[in-house]
């Protein structure tokens, strides 16, 4: 499987163009599937790949938390399962899905989903989230929130990926634990290759009086932690620009303009460099 360092270099949209590129080199679909299928499956699940559903506003996700069997996933919003082709990035074979353990958690899951949807609407206009109800190995109730927001601006030479995963574990009738991880990838590739990668783990305990209070507290914690993460990234970028990058920069005036090298002769410096 890819290492954290290698996977960080690929936002989901950039990865989706790879099969066609590699296929043109190998000229053999079977070889491509044999070599790359597992890697693409890992990448898609790791990045909560969103799957559009005809007639449904909110997409499904491909994640480790809703995988029923190899390449088959369920969508909790419509209680359907689907097969996902990790190299074609297509969903097929949609059918009704039911699981007794999951169904028992549905009232709580859907209540958490409702407050998460409101949070996404407020903070991730182009993002999406899904909530999965699970039973841990010791029988505890767990709810996993997967949030993802991808921004693609190839004409402006950048892509961005925000992903967060929050596992809410019900410890007792009034105690819970929330364990999360936020990961941000930004790739800027105009006249170079610059990447920002940030990952932040979170673990917090909380008390609650009832389910409504629990979900409100969970969303409050998610909002606080994601806002803190965003601010910390912004502060780090400013510090880099004012310190390390400034030290690397040549001591010349900053004009914030590019040189069109093919037209160098038209610049004053070009005139000065002409043979006399």
Foldseek 3Di string as FASTA:
>chain_A
DDDPVVLLQDDVVNVLPPVVVVCVVVVDVVVCCVPCQVVLLVSQQVQQPWADDPPDDATHTRHPQAAPDVQKGAALVVQWIWGARSNNRHTDDIDHHDDVQQVVCVVLQVLLVVVVVVVCVVPPVQKHKHKGWDADPVRWIKIKIWIKHKDDDVVQQKIKIKIKIWIWTDPDQWKIKIKMKIWIWMWGQDVHTDIDIDMDIDIDMGTADHSNRVSVVVSVVVVVVVVVVVVVVVVVVVVCVVPVVVVVDDPDDDPVDDDPVVVVCPDPVVVVPDDD
